[in-house]
């Protein structure tokens, strides 16, 4: 049970931090994120259907969803933890797909891939027992 608790807290803190980085209003992080999300918007999964999101809004939605899901992983009730785990898993699948579509090298794809694998393992093995009490 302690391993599950620490894993949930670790993922929660990780996604809170990455969500805040996506929402950073100024500085070098903001400049770099803006450039990257312009690239990411071009290979958005629904681009083949004619929908390409605005890169600024795309970044904002990803940042908010990661921040909220991270908070829910730490303090949310059981159902919220499960839902936020699924949302983050879908985001990580999208991140891996986006990076491979852009032709990125393996080291840049490994982090979202391992986070997705960790979330999937957490949901499959303990999805119904994500209570920390």
Protein backbone atom coordinates (compact mmCIF):
# COMPACT_ATOMS: atom_id res chain seq x y z
CA UNK A 1 0.00 0.00 0.00
CA UNK A 2 2.84 2.39 0.74
CA UNK A 3 4.30 1.89 -2.74
CA UNK A 4 0.99 2.85 -4.31
CA UNK A 5 0.76 5.92 -2.11
CA UNK A 6 4.25 7.10 -3.02
CA UNK A 7 3.70 6.37 -6.69
CA UNK A 8 0.47 8.39 -6.73
CA UNK A 9 2.11 11.25 -4.84
CA UNK A 10 5.11 11.14 -7.18
CA UNK A 11 2.96 11.27 -10.29
CA UNK A 12 0.78 13.96 -8.73
CA UNK A 13 3.76 16.19 -7.92
CA UNK A 14 5.32 15.52 -11.34
CA UNK A 15 2.19 16.54 -13.21
CA UNK A 16 1.58 19.56 -10.98
CA UNK A 17 5.08 20.77 -11.82
CA UNK A 18 4.81 20.08 -15.54
CA UNK A 19 1.39 21.72 -15.63
CA UNK A 20 2.81 24.84 -13.99
CA UNK A 21 5.67 24.85 -16.51
CA UNK A 22 3.15 24.78 -19.35
CA UNK A 23 1.43 27.77 -17.79
CA UNK A 24 4.64 29.78 -17.15
CA UNK A 25 3.85 33.35 -18.24
CA UNK A 26 7.34 34.63 -19.03
CA UNK A 27 11.01 33.86 -19.43
CA UNK A 28 12.96 31.31 -21.39
CA UNK A 29 10.55 28.49 -20.53
CA UNK A 30 7.67 30.44 -22.07
CA UNK A 31 9.62 31.16 -25.26
CA UNK A 32 10.73 27.55 -25.65
CA UNK A 33 7.26 26.15 -24.92
CA UNK A 34 5.66 28.50 -27.46
CA UNK A 35 8.07 27.35 -30.16
CA UNK A 36 7.50 23.70 -29.34
CA UNK A 37 3.71 23.94 -29.27
CA UNK A 38 3.73 25.56 -32.72
CA UNK A 39 5.44 22.37 -33.90
CA UNK A 40 3.10 20.15 -31.89
CA UNK A 41 -0.02 21.82 -33.30
CA UNK A 42 1.06 20.91 -36.84
CA UNK A 43 0.94 17.17 -36.05
CA UNK A 44 -2.07 17.29 -33.72
CA UNK A 45 -3.89 13.92 -33.93
CA UNK A 46 -7.01 15.53 -35.44
CA UNK A 47 -5.03 17.52 -38.05
CA UNK A 48 -5.83 14.82 -40.61
CA UNK A 49 -9.52 15.71 -40.12
CA UNK A 50 -8.83 19.39 -40.74
CA UNK A 51 -8.62 20.61 -37.13
CA UNK A 52 -5.40 22.26 -36.00
CA UNK A 53 -5.52 23.93 -32.58
CA UNK A 54 -4.11 27.33 -31.78
CA UNK A 55 -0.71 26.60 -30.18
CA UNK A 56 -1.28 29.00 -27.27
CA UNK A 57 -4.66 27.47 -26.41
CA UNK A 58 -3.27 23.96 -26.94
CA UNK A 59 -0.50 24.66 -24.44
CA UNK A 60 -2.94 26.20 -21.97
CA UNK A 61 -5.30 23.21 -22.11
CA UNK A 62 -2.45 20.74 -21.65
CA UNK A 63 -1.07 22.76 -18.73
CA UNK A 64 -4.42 23.12 -16.97
CA UNK A 65 -5.31 19.45 -17.44
CA UNK A 66 -1.93 18.31 -16.10
CA UNK A 67 -2.11 20.66 -13.12
CA UNK A 68 -5.68 19.68 -12.20
CA UNK A 69 -5.06 15.97 -12.75
CA UNK A 70 -1.89 16.15 -10.65
CA UNK A 71 -3.76 17.80 -7.79
CA UNK A 72 -6.52 15.20 -8.04
CA UNK A 73 -3.98 12.36 -7.96
CA UNK A 74 -2.72 13.71 -4.65
CA UNK A 75 -5.90 14.87 -2.90
CA UNK A 76 -8.85 13.67 -4.94
CA UNK A 77 -11.40 10.99 -4.08
CA UNK A 78 -11.12 7.53 -5.64
CA UNK A 79 -13.17 8.24 -8.77
CA UNK A 80 -11.31 11.51 -9.42
CA UNK A 81 -7.96 9.74 -9.09
CA UNK A 82 -9.00 7.10 -11.59
CA UNK A 83 -10.34 9.70 -14.03
CA UNK A 84 -7.26 11.89 -13.77
CA UNK A 85 -5.06 8.84 -14.30
CA UNK A 86 -6.91 8.03 -17.51
CA UNK A 87 -6.71 11.65 -18.70
CA UNK A 88 -2.97 11.75 -18.05
CA UNK A 89 -2.51 8.39 -19.76
CA UNK A 90 -4.28 9.72 -22.87
CA UNK A 91 -2.07 12.82 -22.75
CA UNK A 92 1.07 10.69 -22.56
CA UNK A 93 -0.08 8.55 -25.49
CA UNK A 94 -0.67 11.78 -27.42
CA UNK A 95 2.75 13.09 -26.41
CA UNK A 96 4.50 9.94 -27.62
CA UNK A 97 2.52 10.03 -30.86
CA UNK A 98 3.30 13.71 -31.41
CA UNK A 99 7.02 13.32 -30.76
CA UNK A 100 7.33 10.29 -33.03
CA UNK A 101 5.34 12.11 -35.74
CA UNK A 102 7.84 14.95 -35.55
CA UNK A 103 10.69 12.48 -35.96
CA UNK A 104 12.20 13.14 -32.55
CA UNK A 105 14.96 10.88 -31.31
CA UNK A 106 14.27 8.14 -28.79
CA UNK A 107 15.61 9.97 -25.69
CA UNK A 108 12.98 12.71 -26.01
CA UNK A 109 10.21 10.12 -26.38
CA UNK A 110 11.28 8.02 -23.39
CA UNK A 111 10.00 10.32 -20.63
CA UNK A 112 6.35 10.48 -21.76
CA UNK A 113 6.49 6.81 -22.70
CA UNK A 114 7.66 5.72 -19.23
CA UNK A 115 5.17 8.04 -17.53
CA UNK A 116 2.41 6.49 -19.63
CA UNK A 117 3.58 2.98 -18.81
CA UNK A 118 3.68 3.86 -15.11
CA UNK A 119 0.18 5.34 -15.20
CA UNK A 120 -1.13 2.35 -17.13
CA UNK A 121 0.42 -0.09 -14.66
CA UNK A 122 -1.01 1.91 -11.77
CA UNK A 123 -4.49 1.93 -13.28
CA UNK A 124 -4.49 -1.74 -14.29
CA UNK A 125 -3.02 -3.19 -11.13
CA UNK A 126 -4.59 -0.96 -8.50
CA UNK A 127 -7.26 1.02 -10.35
CA UNK A 128 -10.05 -0.08 -8.06
CA UNK A 129 -7.91 0.28 -4.94
CA UNK A 130 -6.48 3.77 -5.40
CA UNK A 131 -7.60 4.78 -1.92
CA UNK A 132 -4.76 5.96 0.24
CA UNK A 133 -6.54 5.85 3.56
